[in-house]
Amino acid sequence: MKIELQPDGIWYHGSNKIFSELRTNSTITQWKELAEAFSHQPDSLGYDDNGVIRHNGTEKGYLYIVDEPVTIDIDIYQHPKTTMDKNAEFLTRKPLKVKLICEL
């Protein structure tokens, strides 16, 4: 599946915890539904060519947006060990402010 990045797009993080700042090496994505799925802490997660996500997570989740500007290859970088398509997962190089946008 091809995932297009928007340089000024919204970056999401899903978690089962409440906080206001992401730690260094946290995962973020511009794919909102992927962040939502990760918020449920699945042991297994996958998606098909149409972007339909399946996972076995059961935790209560929280969806965040990164609440400061992000520059690819400076503030974040492609996850080097991902099994997902290019542009699906990025890791943070530094702590980033986040804003809770909903409970899942």
PDB file of N, CA and C in Angstrom:
ATOM      1  N   MET A   1       0.847  -1.173   0.000  1.00  0.00           N
ATOM      2  CA  MET A   1       0.000   0.000   0.000  1.00  0.00           C
ATOM      3  C   MET A   1       0.891   1.234   0.000  1.00  0.00           C
ATOM      4  N   LYS A   2       0.544   2.236  -0.787  1.00  0.00           N
ATOM      5  CA  LYS A   2       1.323   3.464  -0.854  1.00  0.00           C
ATOM      6  C   LYS A   2       0.745   4.486   0.123  1.00  0.00           C
ATOM      7  N   ILE A   3       1.604   5.003   0.982  1.00  0.00           N
ATOM      8  CA  ILE A   3       1.196   5.985   1.980  1.00  0.00           C
ATOM      9  C   ILE A   3       1.886   7.303   1.653  1.00  0.00           C
ATOM     10  N   GLU A   4       1.102   8.301   1.302  1.00  0.00           N
ATOM     11  CA  GLU A   4       1.627   9.623   0.959  1.00  0.00           C
ATOM     12  C   GLU A   4       1.744  10.486   2.210  1.00  0.00           C
ATOM     13  N   LEU A   5       2.869  11.137   2.366  1.00  0.00           N
ATOM     14  CA  LEU A   5       3.061  12.051   3.497  1.00  0.00           C
ATOM     15  C   LEU A   5       2.722  13.471   3.094  1.00  0.00           C
ATOM     16  N   GLN A   6       2.173  14.203   4.028  1.00  0.00           N
ATOM     17  CA  GLN A   6       1.912  15.624   3.862  1.00  0.00           C
ATOM     18  C   GLN A   6       2.913  16.370   4.749  1.00  0.00           C
ATOM     19  N   PRO A   7       3.866  17.116   4.165  1.00  0.00           N
ATOM     20  CA  PRO A   7       4.891  17.775   4.980  1.00  0.00           C
ATOM     21  C   PRO A   7       4.327  18.601   6.138  1.00  0.00           C
ATOM     22  N   ASP A   8       3.202  19.254   5.933  1.00  0.00           N
ATOM     23  CA  ASP A   8       2.580  20.046   6.993  1.00  0.00           C
ATOM     24  C   ASP A   8       1.354  19.345   7.562  1.00  0.00           C
ATOM     25  N   GLY A   9       1.272  18.028   7.361  1.00  0.00           N
ATOM     26  CA  GLY A   9       0.109  17.263   7.800  1.00  0.00           C
ATOM     27  C   GLY A   9       0.098  17.000   9.296  1.00  0.00           C
ATOM     28  N   ILE A  10      -0.977  16.413   9.744  1.00  0.00           N
ATOM     29  CA  ILE A  10      -1.150  16.083  11.157  1.00  0.00           C
ATOM     30  C   ILE A  10      -0.442  14.767  11.464  1.00  0.00           C
ATOM     31  N   TRP A  11       0.273  14.740  12.575  1.00  0.00           N
ATOM     32  CA  TRP A  11       0.934  13.533  13.058  1.00  0.00           C
ATOM     33  C   TRP A  11       0.180  13.031  14.275  1.00  0.00           C
ATOM     34  N   TYR A  12      -0.060  11.720  14.319  1.00  0.00           N
ATOM     35  CA  TYR A  12      -0.852  11.090  15.376  1.00  0.00           C
ATOM     36  C   TYR A  12      -0.005  10.124  16.191  1.00  0.00           C
ATOM     37  N   HIS A  13      -0.428   9.939  17.429  1.00  0.00           N
ATOM     38  CA  HIS A  13       0.145   8.918  18.310  1.00  0.00           C
ATOM     39  C   HIS A  13      -0.999   8.309  19.097  1.00  0.00           C
ATOM     40  N   GLY A  14      -1.031   6.994  19.170  1.00  0.00           N
ATOM     41  CA  GLY A  14      -2.036   6.303  19.957  1.00  0.00           C
ATOM     42  C   GLY A  14      -1.403   5.637  21.159  1.00  0.00           C
ATOM     43  N   SER A  15      -2.054   5.738  22.302  1.00  0.00           N
ATOM     44  CA  SER A  15      -1.517   5.172  23.543  1.00  0.00           C
ATOM     45  C   SER A  15      -2.669   4.765  24.459  1.00  0.00           C
ATOM     46  N   ASN A  16      -2.342   3.968  25.451  1.00  0.00           N
ATOM     47  CA  ASN A  16      -3.323   3.630  26.483  1.00  0.00           C
ATOM     48  C   ASN A  16      -3.068   4.438  27.754  1.00  0.00           C
ATOM     49  N   LYS A  17      -2.204   5.453  27.651  1.00  0.00           N
ATOM     50  CA  LYS A  17      -1.862   6.296  28.798  1.00  0.00           C
ATOM     51  C   LYS A  17      -2.149   7.769  28.473  1.00  0.00           C
ATOM     52  N   ILE A  18      -2.267   8.575  29.542  1.00  0.00           N
ATOM     53  CA  ILE A  18      -2.486  10.015  29.385  1.00  0.00           C
ATOM     54  C   ILE A  18      -1.192  10.750  29.726  1.00  0.00           C
ATOM     55  N   PHE A  19      -0.793  11.681  28.863  1.00  0.00           N
ATOM     56  CA  PHE A  19       0.431  12.470  29.054  1.00  0.00           C
ATOM     57  C   PHE A  19       0.366  13.703  28.161  1.00  0.00           C
ATOM     58  N   SER A  20       1.349  14.577  28.251  1.00  0.00           N
ATOM     59  CA  SER A  20       1.365  15.790  27.429  1.00  0.00           C
ATOM     60  C   SER A  20       2.604  15.903  26.549  1.00  0.00           C
ATOM     61  N   GLU A  21       3.525  14.957  26.704  1.00  0.00           N
ATOM     62  CA  GLU A  21       4.748  14.997  25.910  1.00  0.00           C
ATOM     63  C   GLU A  21       5.178  13.574  25.544  1.00  0.00           C
ATOM     64  N   LEU A  22       5.469  13.375  24.266  1.00  0.00           N
ATOM     65  CA  LEU A  22       6.000  12.086  23.807  1.00  0.00           C
ATOM     66  C   LEU A  22       7.476  11.996  24.145  1.00  0.00           C
ATOM     67  N   ARG A  23       7.898  10.821  24.496  1.00  0.00           N
ATOM     68  CA  ARG A  23       9.328  10.600  24.747  1.00  0.00           C
ATOM     69  C   ARG A  23      10.063  10.409  23.432  1.00  0.00           C
ATOM     70  N   THR A  24      11.370  10.597  23.478  1.00  0.00           N
ATOM     71  CA  THR A  24      12.230  10.261  22.344  1.00  0.00           C
ATOM     72  C   THR A  24      12.021   8.790  21.995  1.00  0.00           C
ATOM     73  N   ASN A  25      12.052   8.467  20.718  1.00  0.00           N
ATOM     74  CA  ASN A  25      11.853   7.114  20.169  1.00  0.00           C
ATOM     75  C   ASN A  25      10.403   6.638  20.231  1.00  0.00           C
ATOM     76  N   SER A  26       9.459   7.556  20.382  1.00  0.00           N
ATOM     77  CA  SER A  26       8.042   7.204  20.308  1.00  0.00           C
ATOM     78  C   SER A  26       7.635   7.099  18.839  1.00  0.00           C
ATOM     79  N   THR A  27       6.612   6.304  18.588  1.00  0.00           N
ATOM     80  CA  THR A  27       6.115   6.114  17.224  1.00  0.00           C
ATOM     81  C   THR A  27       5.004   7.112  16.921  1.00  0.00           C
ATOM     82  N   ILE A  28       5.102   7.746  15.747  1.00  0.00           N
ATOM     83  CA  ILE A  28       4.032   8.613  15.263  1.00  0.00           C
ATOM     84  C   ILE A  28       3.742   8.260  13.807  1.00  0.00           C
ATOM     85  N   THR A  29       2.584   8.677  13.343  1.00  0.00           N
ATOM     86  CA  THR A  29       2.156   8.387  11.981  1.00  0.00           C
ATOM     87  C   THR A  29       1.183   9.448  11.508  1.00  0.00           C
ATOM     88  N   GLN A  30       1.067   9.608  10.195  1.00  0.00           N
ATOM     89  CA  GLN A  30       0.025  10.476   9.652  1.00  0.00           C
ATOM     90  C   GLN A  30      -1.237   9.679   9.338  1.00  0.00           C
ATOM     91  N   TRP A  31      -1.183   8.382   9.539  1.00  0.00           N
ATOM     92  CA  TRP A  31      -2.332   7.508   9.310  1.00  0.00           C
ATOM     93  C   TRP A  31      -3.117   7.410  10.620  1.00  0.00           C
ATOM     94  N   LYS A  32      -4.160   8.186  10.713  1.00  0.00           N
ATOM     95  CA  LYS A  32      -4.951   8.299  11.949  1.00  0.00           C
ATOM     96  C   LYS A  32      -5.443   6.942  12.447  1.00  0.00           C
ATOM     97  N   GLU A  33      -5.990   6.126  11.560  1.00  0.00           N
ATOM     98  CA  GLU A  33      -6.550   4.839  11.956  1.00  0.00           C
ATOM     99  C   GLU A  33      -5.485   3.882  12.488  1.00  0.00           C
ATOM    100  N   LEU A  34      -4.268   4.011  12.010  1.00  0.00           N
ATOM    101  CA  LEU A  34      -3.174   3.182  12.525  1.00  0.00           C
ATOM    102  C   LEU A  34      -2.847   3.581  13.962  1.00  0.00           C
ATOM    103  N   ALA A  35      -2.783   4.877  14.227  1.00  0.00           N
ATOM    104  CA  ALA A  35      -2.542   5.348  15.597  1.00  0.00           C
ATOM    105  C   ALA A  35      -3.669   4.898  16.522  1.00  0.00           C
ATOM    106  N   GLU A  36      -4.905   4.963  16.035  1.00  0.00           N
ATOM    107  CA  GLU A  36      -6.040   4.513  16.839  1.00  0.00           C
ATOM    108  C   GLU A  36      -5.892   3.031  17.182  1.00  0.00           C
ATOM    109  N   ALA A  37      -5.502   2.224  16.199  1.00  0.00           N
ATOM    110  CA  ALA A  37      -5.325   0.785  16.437  1.00  0.00           C
ATOM    111  C   ALA A  37      -4.212   0.532  17.449  1.00  0.00           C
ATOM    112  N   PHE A  38      -3.098   1.227  17.315  1.00  0.00           N
ATOM    113  CA  PHE A  38      -1.977   1.041  18.252  1.00  0.00           C
ATOM    114  C   PHE A  38      -2.345   1.468  19.671  1.00  0.00           C
ATOM    115  N   SER A  39      -3.291   2.386  19.812  1.00  0.00           N
ATOM    116  CA  SER A  39      -3.679   2.842  21.146  1.00  0.00           C
ATOM    117  C   SER A  39      -4.242   1.706  21.995  1.00  0.00           C
ATOM    118  N   HIS A  40      -4.743   0.672  21.353  1.00  0.00           N
ATOM    119  CA  HIS A  40      -5.344  -0.454  22.064  1.00  0.00           C
ATOM    120  C   HIS A  40      -4.318  -1.525  22.447  1.00  0.00           C
ATOM    121  N   GLN A  41      -3.035  -1.247  22.212  1.00  0.00           N
ATOM    122  CA  GLN A  41      -1.919  -2.110  22.614  1.00  0.00           C
ATOM    123  C   GLN A  41      -2.031  -3.547  22.086  1.00  0.00           C
ATOM    124  N   PRO A  42      -2.196  -3.708  20.774  1.00  0.00           N
ATOM    125  CA  PRO A  42      -2.337  -5.065  20.242  1.00  0.00           C
ATOM    126  C   PRO A  42      -1.022  -5.840  20.257  1.00  0.00           C
ATOM    127  N   ASP A  43      -1.148  -7.159  20.377  1.00  0.00           N
ATOM    128  CA  ASP A  43      -0.001  -8.051  20.190  1.00  0.00           C
ATOM    129  C   ASP A  43       0.193  -8.326  18.705  1.00  0.00           C
ATOM    130  N   SER A  44      -0.897  -8.229  17.965  1.00  0.00           N
ATOM    131  CA  SER A  44      -0.884  -8.510  16.537  1.00  0.00           C
ATOM    132  C   SER A  44      -1.661  -7.421  15.814  1.00  0.00           C
ATOM    133  N   LEU A  45      -1.063  -6.882  14.746  1.00  0.00           N
ATOM    134  CA  LEU A  45      -1.712  -5.850  13.962  1.00  0.00           C
ATOM    135  C   LEU A  45      -1.282  -6.020  12.511  1.00  0.00           C
ATOM    136  N   GLY A  46      -2.221  -5.878  11.607  1.00  0.00           N
ATOM    137  CA  GLY A  46      -1.920  -5.943  10.184  1.00  0.00           C
ATOM    138  C   GLY A  46      -2.963  -5.175   9.404  1.00  0.00           C
ATOM    139  N   TYR A  47      -2.685  -4.959   8.123  1.00  0.00           N
ATOM    140  CA  TYR A  47      -3.650  -4.279   7.271  1.00  0.00           C
ATOM    141  C   TYR A  47      -3.536  -4.833   5.857  1.00  0.00           C
ATOM    142  N   ASP A  48      -4.630  -4.689   5.108  1.00  0.00           N
ATOM    143  CA  ASP A  48      -4.627  -5.194   3.743  1.00  0.00           C
ATOM    144  C   ASP A  48      -4.299  -4.071   2.763  1.00  0.00           C
ATOM    145  N   ASP A  49      -4.305  -4.379   1.469  1.00  0.00           N
ATOM    146  CA  ASP A  49      -3.949  -3.404   0.435  1.00  0.00           C
ATOM    147  C   ASP A  49      -4.925  -2.234   0.352  1.00  0.00           C
ATOM    148  N   ASN A  50      -6.100  -2.404   0.943  1.00  0.00           N
ATOM    149  CA  ASN A  50      -7.091  -1.327   0.954  1.00  0.00           C
ATOM    150  C   ASN A  50      -7.018  -0.484   2.226  1.00  0.00           C
ATOM    151  N   GLY A  51      -6.075  -0.798   3.105  1.00  0.00           N
ATOM    152  CA  GLY A  51      -5.909  -0.034   4.335  1.00  0.00           C
ATOM    153  C   GLY A  51      -6.816  -0.458   5.467  1.00  0.00           C
ATOM    154  N   VAL A  52      -7.471  -1.603   5.334  1.00  0.00           N
ATOM    155  CA  VAL A  52      -8.323  -2.108   6.414  1.00  0.00           C
ATOM    156  C   VAL A  52      -7.419  -2.733   7.476  1.00  0.00           C
ATOM    157  N   ILE A  53      -7.479  -2.191   8.688  1.00  0.00           N
ATOM    158  CA  ILE A  53      -6.611  -2.618   9.782  1.00  0.00           C
ATOM    159  C   ILE A  53      -7.322  -3.646  10.640  1.00  0.00           C
ATOM    160  N   ARG A  54      -6.579  -4.697  10.989  1.00  0.00           N
ATOM    161  CA  ARG A  54      -7.088  -5.712  11.921  1.00  0.00           C
ATOM    162  C   ARG A  54      -6.075  -5.842  13.052  1.00  0.00           C
ATOM    163  N   HIS A  55      -6.592  -5.933  14.277  1.00  0.00           N
ATOM    164  CA  HIS A  55      -5.696  -6.083  15.423  1.00  0.00           C
ATOM    165  C   HIS A  55      -6.443  -6.783  16.550  1.00  0.00           C
ATOM    166  N   ASN A  56      -5.682  -7.219  17.557  1.00  0.00           N
ATOM    167  CA  ASN A  56      -6.289  -7.918  18.692  1.00  0.00           C
ATOM    168  C   ASN A  56      -6.182  -7.119  19.987  1.00  0.00           C
ATOM    169  N   GLY A  57      -5.953  -5.810  19.902  1.00  0.00           N
ATOM    170  CA  GLY A  57      -5.827  -4.983  21.098  1.00  0.00           C
ATOM    171  C   GLY A  57      -7.146  -4.780  21.805  1.00  0.00           C
ATOM    172  N   THR A  58      -7.098  -4.748  23.133  1.00  0.00           N
ATOM    173  CA  THR A  58      -8.321  -4.591  23.931  1.00  0.00           C
ATOM    174  C   THR A  58      -8.236  -3.461  24.962  1.00  0.00           C
ATOM    175  N   GLU A  59      -7.087  -2.819  25.097  1.00  0.00           N
ATOM    176  CA  GLU A  59      -6.931  -1.739  26.085  1.00  0.00           C
ATOM    177  C   GLU A  59      -7.756  -0.518  25.680  1.00  0.00           C
ATOM    178  N   LYS A  60      -8.169   0.271  26.665  1.00  0.00           N
ATOM    179  CA  LYS A  60      -8.777   1.568  26.385  1.00  0.00           C
ATOM    180  C   LYS A  60      -7.695   2.436  25.763  1.00  0.00           C
ATOM    181  N   GLY A  61      -8.041   3.176  24.715  1.00  0.00           N
ATOM    182  CA  GLY A  61      -7.030   3.956  24.019  1.00  0.00           C
ATOM    183  C   GLY A  61      -7.293   5.441  24.031  1.00  0.00           C
ATOM    184  N   TYR A  62      -6.238   6.185  23.746  1.00  0.00           N
ATOM    185  CA  TYR A  62      -6.290   7.640  23.629  1.00  0.00           C
ATOM    186  C   TYR A  62      -5.576   8.032  22.343  1.00  0.00           C
ATOM    187  N   LEU A  63      -6.161   8.969  21.606  1.00  0.00           N
ATOM    188  CA  LEU A  63      -5.560   9.451  20.373  1.00  0.00           C
ATOM    189  C   LEU A  63      -5.031  10.858  20.590  1.00  0.00           C
ATOM    190  N   TYR A  64      -3.780  11.056  20.186  1.00  0.00           N
ATOM    191  CA  TYR A  64      -3.096  12.338  20.320  1.00  0.00           C
ATOM    192  C   TYR A  64      -2.703  12.868  18.956  1.00  0.00           C
ATOM    193  N   ILE A  65      -2.547  14.195  18.884  1.00  0.00           N
ATOM    194  CA  ILE A  65      -1.872  14.811  17.747  1.00  0.00           C
ATOM    195  C   ILE A  65      -0.619  15.491  18.288  1.00  0.00           C
ATOM    196  N   VAL A  66       0.408  15.516  17.451  1.00  0.00           N
ATOM    197  CA  VAL A  66       1.627  16.237  17.821  1.00  0.00           C
ATOM    198  C   VAL A  66       1.294  17.715  17.748  1.00  0.00           C
ATOM    199  N   ASP A  67       1.598  18.433  18.825  1.00  0.00           N
ATOM    200  CA  ASP A  67       1.174  19.825  18.978  1.00  0.00           C
ATOM    201  C   ASP A  67       2.329  20.804  18.812  1.00  0.00           C
ATOM    202  N   GLU A  68       3.182  20.516  17.847  1.00  0.00           N
ATOM    203  CA  GLU A  68       4.274  21.421  17.494  1.00  0.00           C
ATOM    204  C   GLU A  68       4.746  21.029  16.092  1.00  0.00           C
ATOM    205  N   PRO A  69       5.447  21.931  15.397  1.00  0.00           N
ATOM    206  CA  PRO A  69       5.915  21.594  14.047  1.00  0.00           C
ATOM    207  C   PRO A  69       6.880  20.403  14.073  1.00  0.00           C
ATOM    208  N   VAL A  70       6.790  19.575  13.025  1.00  0.00           N
ATOM    209  CA  VAL A  70       7.645  18.400  12.904  1.00  0.00           C
ATOM    210  C   VAL A  70       8.312  18.422  11.532  1.00  0.00           C
ATOM    211  N   THR A  71       9.608  18.229  11.513  1.00  0.00           N
ATOM    212  CA  THR A  71      10.354  18.159  10.255  1.00  0.00           C
ATOM    213  C   THR A  71      10.896  16.749  10.082  1.00  0.00           C
ATOM    214  N   ILE A  72      10.515  16.124   8.962  1.00  0.00           N
ATOM    215  CA  ILE A  72      10.971  14.765   8.658  1.00  0.00           C
ATOM    216  C   ILE A  72      12.481  14.768   8.486  1.00  0.00           C
ATOM    217  N   ASP A  73      13.136  13.759   9.006  1.00  0.00           N
ATOM    218  CA  ASP A  73      14.584  13.545   8.996  1.00  0.00           C
ATOM    219  C   ASP A  73      15.352  14.492   9.924  1.00  0.00           C
ATOM    220  N   ILE A  74      14.658  15.354  10.618  1.00  0.00           N
ATOM    221  CA  ILE A  74      15.299  16.174  11.654  1.00  0.00           C
ATOM    222  C   ILE A  74      14.680  15.818  13.006  1.00  0.00           C
ATOM    223  N   ASP A  75      13.367  16.010  13.135  1.00  0.00           N
ATOM    224  CA  ASP A  75      12.668  15.707  14.386  1.00  0.00           C
ATOM    225  C   ASP A  75      12.221  14.247  14.460  1.00  0.00           C
ATOM    226  N   ILE A  76      11.977  13.657  13.299  1.00  0.00           N
ATOM    227  CA  ILE A  76      11.501  12.272  13.210  1.00  0.00           C
ATOM    228  C   ILE A  76      12.211  11.563  12.068  1.00  0.00           C
ATOM    229  N   TYR A  77      12.163  10.229  12.083  1.00  0.00           N
ATOM    230  CA  TYR A  77      12.753   9.443  10.995  1.00  0.00           C
ATOM    231  C   TYR A  77      11.959   8.149  10.811  1.00  0.00           C
ATOM    232  N   GLN A  78      12.080   7.576   9.609  1.00  0.00           N
ATOM    233  CA  GLN A  78      11.390   6.322   9.307  1.00  0.00           C
ATOM    234  C   GLN A  78      11.778   5.262  10.325  1.00  0.00           C
ATOM    235  N   HIS A  79      10.805   4.517  10.809  1.00  0.00           N
ATOM    236  CA  HIS A  79      11.081   3.422  11.745  1.00  0.00           C
ATOM    237  C   HIS A  79      11.963   2.399  11.016  1.00  0.00           C
ATOM    238  N   PRO A  80      13.177   2.152  11.507  1.00  0.00           N
ATOM    239  CA  PRO A  80      14.101   1.283  10.763  1.00  0.00           C
ATOM    240  C   PRO A  80      13.741  -0.199  10.790  1.00  0.00           C
ATOM    241  N   LYS A  81      12.937  -0.640  11.730  1.00  0.00           N
ATOM    242  CA  LYS A  81      12.616  -2.062  11.848  1.00  0.00           C
ATOM    243  C   LYS A  81      11.138  -2.356  11.631  1.00  0.00           C
ATOM    244  N   THR A  82      10.429  -1.445  10.989  1.00  0.00           N
ATOM    245  CA  THR A  82       9.001  -1.661  10.774  1.00  0.00           C
ATOM    246  C   THR A  82       8.766  -2.791   9.770  1.00  0.00           C
ATOM    247  N   THR A  83       7.651  -3.460   9.920  1.00  0.00           N
ATOM    248  CA  THR A  83       7.226  -4.456   8.938  1.00  0.00           C
ATOM    249  C   THR A  83       6.134  -3.872   8.056  1.00  0.00           C
ATOM    250  N   MET A  84       5.843  -2.595   8.260  1.00  0.00           N
ATOM    251  CA  MET A  84       4.794  -1.915   7.495  1.00  0.00           C
ATOM    252  C   MET A  84       5.393  -1.200   6.290  1.00  0.00           C
ATOM    253  N   ASP A  85       4.498  -0.700   5.453  1.00  0.00           N
ATOM    254  CA  ASP A  85       4.919   0.012   4.255  1.00  0.00           C
ATOM    255  C   ASP A  85       5.655   1.306   4.604  1.00  0.00           C
ATOM    256  N   LYS A  86       6.432   1.791   3.639  1.00  0.00           N
ATOM    257  CA  LYS A  86       7.143   3.055   3.794  1.00  0.00           C
ATOM    258  C   LYS A  86       6.143   4.161   4.147  1.00  0.00           C
ATOM    259  N   ASN A  87       6.540   5.023   5.035  1.00  0.00           N
ATOM    260  CA  ASN A  87       5.766   6.183   5.500  1.00  0.00           C
ATOM    261  C   ASN A  87       4.657   5.846   6.491  1.00  0.00           C
ATOM    262  N   ALA A  88       4.562   4.582   6.916  1.00  0.00           N
ATOM    263  CA  ALA A  88       3.529   4.224   7.895  1.00  0.00           C
ATOM    264  C   ALA A  88       3.944   4.605   9.308  1.00  0.00           C
ATOM    265  N   GLU A  89       5.192   4.352   9.671  1.00  0.00           N
ATOM    266  CA  GLU A  89       5.654   4.571  11.047  1.00  0.00           C
ATOM    267  C   GLU A  89       6.935   5.396  11.074  1.00  0.00           C
ATOM    268  N   PHE A  90       6.956   6.355  11.968  1.00  0.00           N
ATOM    269  CA  PHE A  90       8.150   7.164  12.198  1.00  0.00           C
ATOM    270  C   PHE A  90       8.466   7.161  13.687  1.00  0.00           C
ATOM    271  N   LEU A  91       9.731   7.371  14.011  1.00  0.00           N
ATOM    272  CA  LEU A  91      10.167   7.490  15.403  1.00  0.00           C
ATOM    273  C   LEU A  91      10.608   8.921  15.665  1.00  0.00           C
ATOM    274  N   THR A  92      10.371   9.378  16.896  1.00  0.00           N
ATOM    275  CA  THR A  92      10.769  10.733  17.271  1.00  0.00           C
ATOM    276  C   THR A  92      12.235  10.752  17.708  1.00  0.00           C
ATOM    277  N   ARG A  93      12.930  11.803  17.347  1.00  0.00           N
ATOM    278  CA  ARG A  93      14.338  11.984  17.751  1.00  0.00           C
ATOM    279  C   ARG A  93      14.458  12.765  19.062  1.00  0.00           C
ATOM    280  N   LYS A  94      13.353  13.400  19.456  1.00  0.00           N
ATOM    281  CA  LYS A  94      13.360  14.241  20.662  1.00  0.00           C
ATOM    282  C   LYS A  94      11.968  14.211  21.263  1.00  0.00           C
ATOM    283  N   PRO A  95      11.818  14.670  22.488  1.00  0.00           N
ATOM    284  CA  PRO A  95      10.467  14.773  23.055  1.00  0.00           C
ATOM    285  C   PRO A  95       9.623  15.767  22.241  1.00  0.00           C
ATOM    286  N   LEU A  96       8.347  15.444  22.045  1.00  0.00           N
ATOM    287  CA  LEU A  96       7.434  16.320  21.309  1.00  0.00           C
ATOM    288  C   LEU A  96       6.161  16.530  22.121  1.00  0.00           C
ATOM    289  N   LYS A  97       5.657  17.758  22.109  1.00  0.00           N
ATOM    290  CA  LYS A  97       4.401  18.066  22.790  1.00  0.00           C
ATOM    291  C   LYS A  97       3.250  17.435  22.018  1.00  0.00           C
ATOM    292  N   VAL A  98       2.296  16.891  22.759  1.00  0.00           N
ATOM    293  CA  VAL A  98       1.111  16.308  22.142  1.00  0.00           C
ATOM    294  C   VAL A  98      -0.150  16.857  22.792  1.00  0.00           C
ATOM    295  N   LYS A  99      -1.250  16.713  22.077  1.00  0.00           N
ATOM    296  CA  LYS A  99      -2.553  17.151  22.565  1.00  0.00           C
ATOM    297  C   LYS A  99      -3.517  15.976  22.430  1.00  0.00           C
ATOM    298  N   LEU A 100      -4.172  15.620  23.515  1.00  0.00           N
ATOM    299  CA  LEU A 100      -5.171  14.570  23.507  1.00  0.00           C
ATOM    300  C   LEU A 100      -6.394  15.053  22.734  1.00  0.00           C
ATOM    301  N   ILE A 101      -6.811  14.257  21.722  1.00  0.00           N
ATOM    302  CA  ILE A 101      -7.978  14.693  20.949  1.00  0.00           C
ATOM    303  C   ILE A 101      -9.210  13.822  21.172  1.00  0.00           C
ATOM    304  N   CYS A 102      -9.014  12.556  21.612  1.00  0.00           N
ATOM    305  CA  CYS A 102     -10.189  11.755  21.939  1.00  0.00           C
ATOM    306  C   CYS A 102      -9.821  10.470  22.666  1.00  0.00           C
ATOM    307  N   GLU A 103     -10.811   9.944  23.383  1.00  0.00           N
ATOM    308  CA  GLU A 103     -10.707   8.627  23.998  1.00  0.00           C
ATOM    309  C   GLU A 103     -11.300   7.628  23.022  1.00  0.00           C
ATOM    310  N   LEU A 104     -10.725   6.448  22.963  1.00  0.00           N
ATOM    311  CA  LEU A 104     -11.197   5.431  22.010  1.00  0.00           C
ATOM    312  C   LEU A 104     -11.740   4.230  22.755  1.00  0.00           C
TER     313      LEU A 104
END
